[in-house]
């Protein structure tokens, strides 16, 4: 995090995705969903260019308010160069995160493991989880990011835990995983997407074999 002294107000802004919590990211996505879509202006359409400039100013003000926790009045009092510097500091929010391979993560001094072994082999105990993952992925496709912590809670476990956790533990961990940073969220989500594909394929294969046995 980087500190800025703005008219006697000390604020902190994140430097990268590792310093953005899942909760803050969800709030940010909900904010920008309310922004008005721009209509491209023609070269001679001065009015449209002016309208777009005003919309940019309004949107940037809301973005700065969100991350700095300052009021719109406080942001409006900032020097334009200072405001531009703050916005430049947040440009990573517009960049796509490149996930890295991880096999575990730590939160509140507790270590959770991704089910890496199931990328190489199937487990009958995971079929129900495959169905849950498919359901959650459909919800993600519709823009429901809130389901991500629960996806992680279903499949990421502590060492020695059983394959199937009860719903109470999953609910508790899903709430806890909302505190994860977005870099970890992206890394785990990338892995789970690959795992989902493997589990769904395994599940379909099992169903085909079962059907053939019935016909035999």
Protein backbone atom coordinates (compact mmCIF):
# COMPACT_ATOMS: atom_id res chain seq x y z
CA UNK A 1 0.00 0.00 0.00
CA UNK A 2 1.16 3.54 -0.73
CA UNK A 3 0.34 6.47 1.51
CA UNK A 4 -0.66 9.87 0.12
CA UNK A 5 -1.02 13.11 2.07
CA UNK A 6 -3.94 14.97 0.51
CA UNK A 7 -4.82 18.28 2.10
CA UNK A 8 -3.98 16.89 5.54
CA UNK A 9 -5.86 13.66 4.82
CA UNK A 10 -3.67 10.54 4.88
CA UNK A 11 -5.00 7.85 2.54
CA UNK A 12 -3.69 4.48 1.37
CA UNK A 13 -4.12 3.06 -2.12
CA UNK A 14 -3.34 -0.52 -3.18
CA UNK A 15 -0.26 -1.04 -5.35
CA UNK A 16 -1.33 -4.32 -6.96
CA UNK A 17 -3.90 -7.15 -6.86
CA UNK A 18 -2.25 -8.67 -3.77
CA UNK A 19 -3.42 -5.61 -1.81
CA UNK A 20 -7.03 -5.72 -3.01
CA UNK A 21 -9.40 -7.87 -0.97
CA UNK A 22 -12.17 -9.86 -2.61
CA UNK A 23 -14.76 -7.76 -0.78
CA UNK A 24 -13.27 -4.51 -2.05
CA UNK A 25 -13.12 -5.87 -5.59
CA UNK A 26 -16.78 -6.93 -5.58
CA UNK A 27 -17.75 -3.48 -4.33
CA UNK A 28 -15.68 -1.89 -7.09
CA UNK A 29 -17.29 -4.00 -9.82
CA UNK A 30 -20.74 -3.04 -8.57
CA UNK A 31 -19.71 0.63 -8.68
CA UNK A 32 -18.46 0.59 -12.26
CA UNK A 33 -21.49 -1.40 -13.45
CA UNK A 34 -23.48 1.78 -12.83
CA UNK A 35 -21.29 3.87 -15.12
CA UNK A 36 -22.96 5.15 -18.28
CA UNK A 37 -21.73 3.68 -21.56
CA UNK A 38 -20.02 6.22 -23.78
CA UNK A 39 -21.13 6.97 -27.32
CA UNK A 40 -18.21 7.58 -29.66
CA UNK A 41 -18.01 11.19 -30.75
CA UNK A 42 -17.42 12.29 -34.33
CA UNK A 43 -14.44 14.54 -35.02
CA UNK A 44 -16.70 17.58 -35.26
CA UNK A 45 -19.11 16.56 -32.50
CA UNK A 46 -17.90 18.98 -29.82
CA UNK A 47 -21.04 18.52 -27.72
CA UNK A 48 -20.59 14.75 -27.47
CA UNK A 49 -16.89 15.14 -26.59
CA UNK A 50 -17.85 17.56 -23.82
CA UNK A 51 -20.49 15.17 -22.48
CA UNK A 52 -17.98 12.30 -22.46
CA UNK A 53 -15.43 14.46 -20.65
CA UNK A 54 -17.99 15.26 -17.96
CA UNK A 55 -18.89 11.58 -17.61
CA UNK A 56 -15.19 10.69 -17.29
CA UNK A 57 -14.80 13.30 -14.57
CA UNK A 58 -17.84 11.97 -12.70
CA UNK A 59 -16.67 8.34 -12.98
CA UNK A 60 -13.12 9.12 -11.91
CA UNK A 61 -14.43 11.08 -8.93
CA UNK A 62 -16.47 8.06 -7.80
CA UNK A 63 -13.50 5.74 -8.29
CA UNK A 64 -11.26 7.98 -6.18
CA UNK A 65 -13.94 8.26 -3.51
CA UNK A 66 -14.27 4.47 -3.38
CA UNK A 67 -10.58 3.67 -2.97
CA UNK A 68 -9.52 6.70 -0.95
CA UNK A 69 -12.60 6.75 1.32
CA UNK A 70 -12.77 10.53 0.77
CA UNK A 71 -16.03 12.34 0.11
CA UNK A 72 -16.87 13.79 -3.31
CA UNK A 73 -16.36 17.26 -1.85
CA UNK A 74 -12.87 16.33 -0.63
CA UNK A 75 -11.96 14.82 -4.00
CA UNK A 76 -13.25 17.88 -5.85
CA UNK A 77 -10.83 20.04 -3.83
CA UNK A 78 -7.78 18.08 -5.04
CA UNK A 79 -5.34 19.63 -7.48
CA UNK A 80 -5.94 18.14 -10.94
CA UNK A 81 -2.35 16.85 -11.17
CA UNK A 82 -2.68 15.16 -7.78
CA UNK A 83 -5.95 13.51 -8.83
CA UNK A 84 -4.33 12.34 -12.08
CA UNK A 85 -1.43 10.83 -10.11
CA UNK A 86 -3.86 8.92 -7.90
CA UNK A 87 -5.73 7.57 -10.91
CA UNK A 88 -2.45 6.51 -12.52
CA UNK A 89 -1.62 4.61 -9.33
CA UNK A 90 -4.79 2.57 -9.81
CA UNK A 91 -4.23 1.69 -13.48
CA UNK A 92 -3.48 -1.95 -12.54
CA UNK A 93 -7.23 -2.32 -11.93
CA UNK A 94 -7.73 -2.06 -15.70
CA UNK A 95 -5.08 -4.67 -16.48
CA UNK A 96 -5.74 -8.38 -16.79
CA UNK A 97 -4.14 -10.43 -14.03
CA UNK A 98 -1.86 -13.24 -15.25
CA UNK A 99 -2.43 -16.21 -12.90
CA UNK A 100 0.44 -18.27 -11.56
CA UNK A 101 0.49 -21.92 -10.49
CA UNK A 102 -0.06 -22.40 -6.77
CA UNK A 103 -0.78 -25.52 -4.74
CA UNK A 104 -1.73 -23.85 -1.44
CA UNK A 105 -2.42 -20.53 0.21
CA UNK A 106 -2.38 -19.17 3.77
CA UNK A 107 -5.06 -17.08 5.43
CA UNK A 108 -5.04 -16.12 9.11
CA UNK A 109 -2.09 -18.50 9.67
CA UNK A 110 -4.13 -21.42 8.33
CA UNK A 111 -2.87 -23.28 5.27
CA UNK A 112 -5.30 -24.56 2.65
CA UNK A 113 -4.36 -26.91 -0.17
CA UNK A 114 -5.72 -27.00 -3.69
CA UNK A 115 -6.75 -30.54 -4.77
CA UNK A 116 -3.79 -30.88 -7.13
CA UNK A 117 -3.86 -34.68 -7.16
CA UNK A 118 -7.27 -34.65 -8.82
CA UNK A 119 -5.79 -33.09 -11.93
CA UNK A 120 -4.13 -36.45 -12.55
CA UNK A 121 -6.78 -38.88 -11.28
CA UNK A 122 -10.49 -39.06 -10.64
CA UNK A 123 -12.31 -39.70 -7.38
CA UNK A 124 -15.90 -40.85 -7.09
CA UNK A 125 -16.19 -38.69 -3.98
CA UNK A 126 -15.69 -35.62 -6.17
CA UNK A 127 -18.62 -36.11 -8.53
CA UNK A 128 -21.04 -34.17 -6.37
CA UNK A 129 -18.44 -31.41 -6.12
CA UNK A 130 -18.18 -31.39 -9.91
CA UNK A 131 -21.90 -30.71 -10.07
CA UNK A 132 -21.56 -27.90 -7.53
CA UNK A 133 -18.67 -26.40 -9.47
CA UNK A 134 -20.63 -26.50 -12.71
CA UNK A 135 -23.57 -24.76 -11.02
CA UNK A 136 -21.30 -22.12 -9.50
CA UNK A 137 -19.53 -21.55 -12.82
CA UNK A 138 -22.86 -20.92 -14.50
CA UNK A 139 -23.57 -18.33 -11.82
CA UNK A 140 -20.15 -16.76 -12.41
CA UNK A 141 -20.89 -16.51 -16.12
CA UNK A 142 -23.92 -14.43 -15.17
CA UNK A 143 -21.73 -12.04 -13.20
CA UNK A 144 -22.33 -13.42 -9.70
CA UNK A 145 -18.79 -13.03 -8.29
CA UNK A 146 -20.04 -13.64 -4.75
CA UNK A 147 -20.01 -17.37 -5.40
CA UNK A 148 -16.19 -17.54 -5.80
CA UNK A 149 -15.35 -17.82 -2.06
CA UNK A 150 -17.77 -20.74 -1.77
CA UNK A 151 -16.19 -22.47 -4.76
CA UNK A 152 -12.84 -22.21 -3.00
CA UNK A 153 -14.33 -23.40 0.31
CA UNK A 154 -15.73 -26.53 -1.34
CA UNK A 155 -12.47 -27.79 -2.82
CA UNK A 156 -9.57 -26.23 -0.89
CA UNK A 157 -8.93 -28.03 2.38
CA UNK A 158 -6.50 -28.27 5.26
CA UNK A 159 -4.07 -31.14 5.40
CA UNK A 160 -5.71 -34.39 6.48
CA UNK A 161 -9.32 -33.23 6.05
CA UNK A 162 -11.90 -35.56 4.53
CA UNK A 163 -12.99 -35.17 0.92
CA UNK A 164 -16.50 -34.02 1.81
CA UNK A 165 -16.88 -31.16 4.29
CA UNK A 166 -20.19 -30.42 5.97
CA UNK A 167 -22.11 -27.33 4.89
CA UNK A 168 -21.45 -25.54 8.18
CA UNK A 169 -17.68 -25.59 7.66
CA UNK A 170 -18.07 -24.60 3.99
CA UNK A 171 -20.31 -21.65 4.91
CA UNK A 172 -17.86 -20.45 7.58
CA UNK A 173 -14.86 -20.71 5.27
CA UNK A 174 -16.68 -19.08 2.36
CA UNK A 175 -17.21 -16.05 4.58
CA UNK A 176 -13.57 -16.12 5.70
CA UNK A 177 -12.30 -16.42 2.12
CA UNK A 178 -13.90 -13.08 1.29
CA UNK A 179 -10.85 -11.63 3.04
CA UNK A 180 -8.49 -13.23 0.51
CA UNK A 181 -6.53 -10.92 -1.76
CA UNK A 182 -7.51 -10.86 -5.43
CA UNK A 183 -4.17 -12.24 -6.64
CA UNK A 184 -4.83 -15.44 -4.69
CA UNK A 185 -8.47 -15.46 -5.80
CA UNK A 186 -7.43 -15.23 -9.47
CA UNK A 187 -4.79 -17.97 -9.02
CA UNK A 188 -7.22 -20.36 -7.32
CA UNK A 189 -10.04 -19.55 -9.75
CA UNK A 190 -7.74 -20.33 -12.70
CA UNK A 191 -6.91 -23.71 -11.15
CA UNK A 192 -10.54 -24.50 -10.31
CA UNK A 193 -11.59 -23.74 -13.86
CA UNK A 194 -9.18 -26.42 -15.11
CA UNK A 195 -10.24 -28.79 -12.35
CA UNK A 196 -13.91 -28.30 -13.17
CA UNK A 197 -13.30 -29.29 -16.77
CA UNK A 198 -11.49 -32.46 -15.63
CA UNK A 199 -14.16 -33.40 -13.09
CA UNK A 200 -17.06 -32.83 -15.46
CA UNK A 201 -15.36 -34.96 -18.12
CA UNK A 202 -14.72 -37.70 -15.54
CA UNK A 203 -18.33 -37.52 -14.39
CA UNK A 204 -19.65 -37.84 -17.94
CA UNK A 205 -17.32 -40.79 -18.59
CA UNK A 206 -18.57 -42.51 -15.43
CA UNK A 207 -22.18 -41.97 -16.53
CA UNK A 208 -21.43 -43.49 -19.96
CA UNK A 209 -19.80 -46.56 -18.40
CA UNK A 210 -22.73 -46.95 -16.00
CA UNK A 211 -25.18 -46.74 -18.91
CA UNK A 212 -23.25 -49.36 -20.89
CA UNK A 213 -23.30 -51.70 -17.89
CA UNK A 214 -27.08 -51.32 -17.64
CA UNK A 215 -27.50 -52.13 -21.32
CA UNK A 216 -25.19 -55.13 -21.03
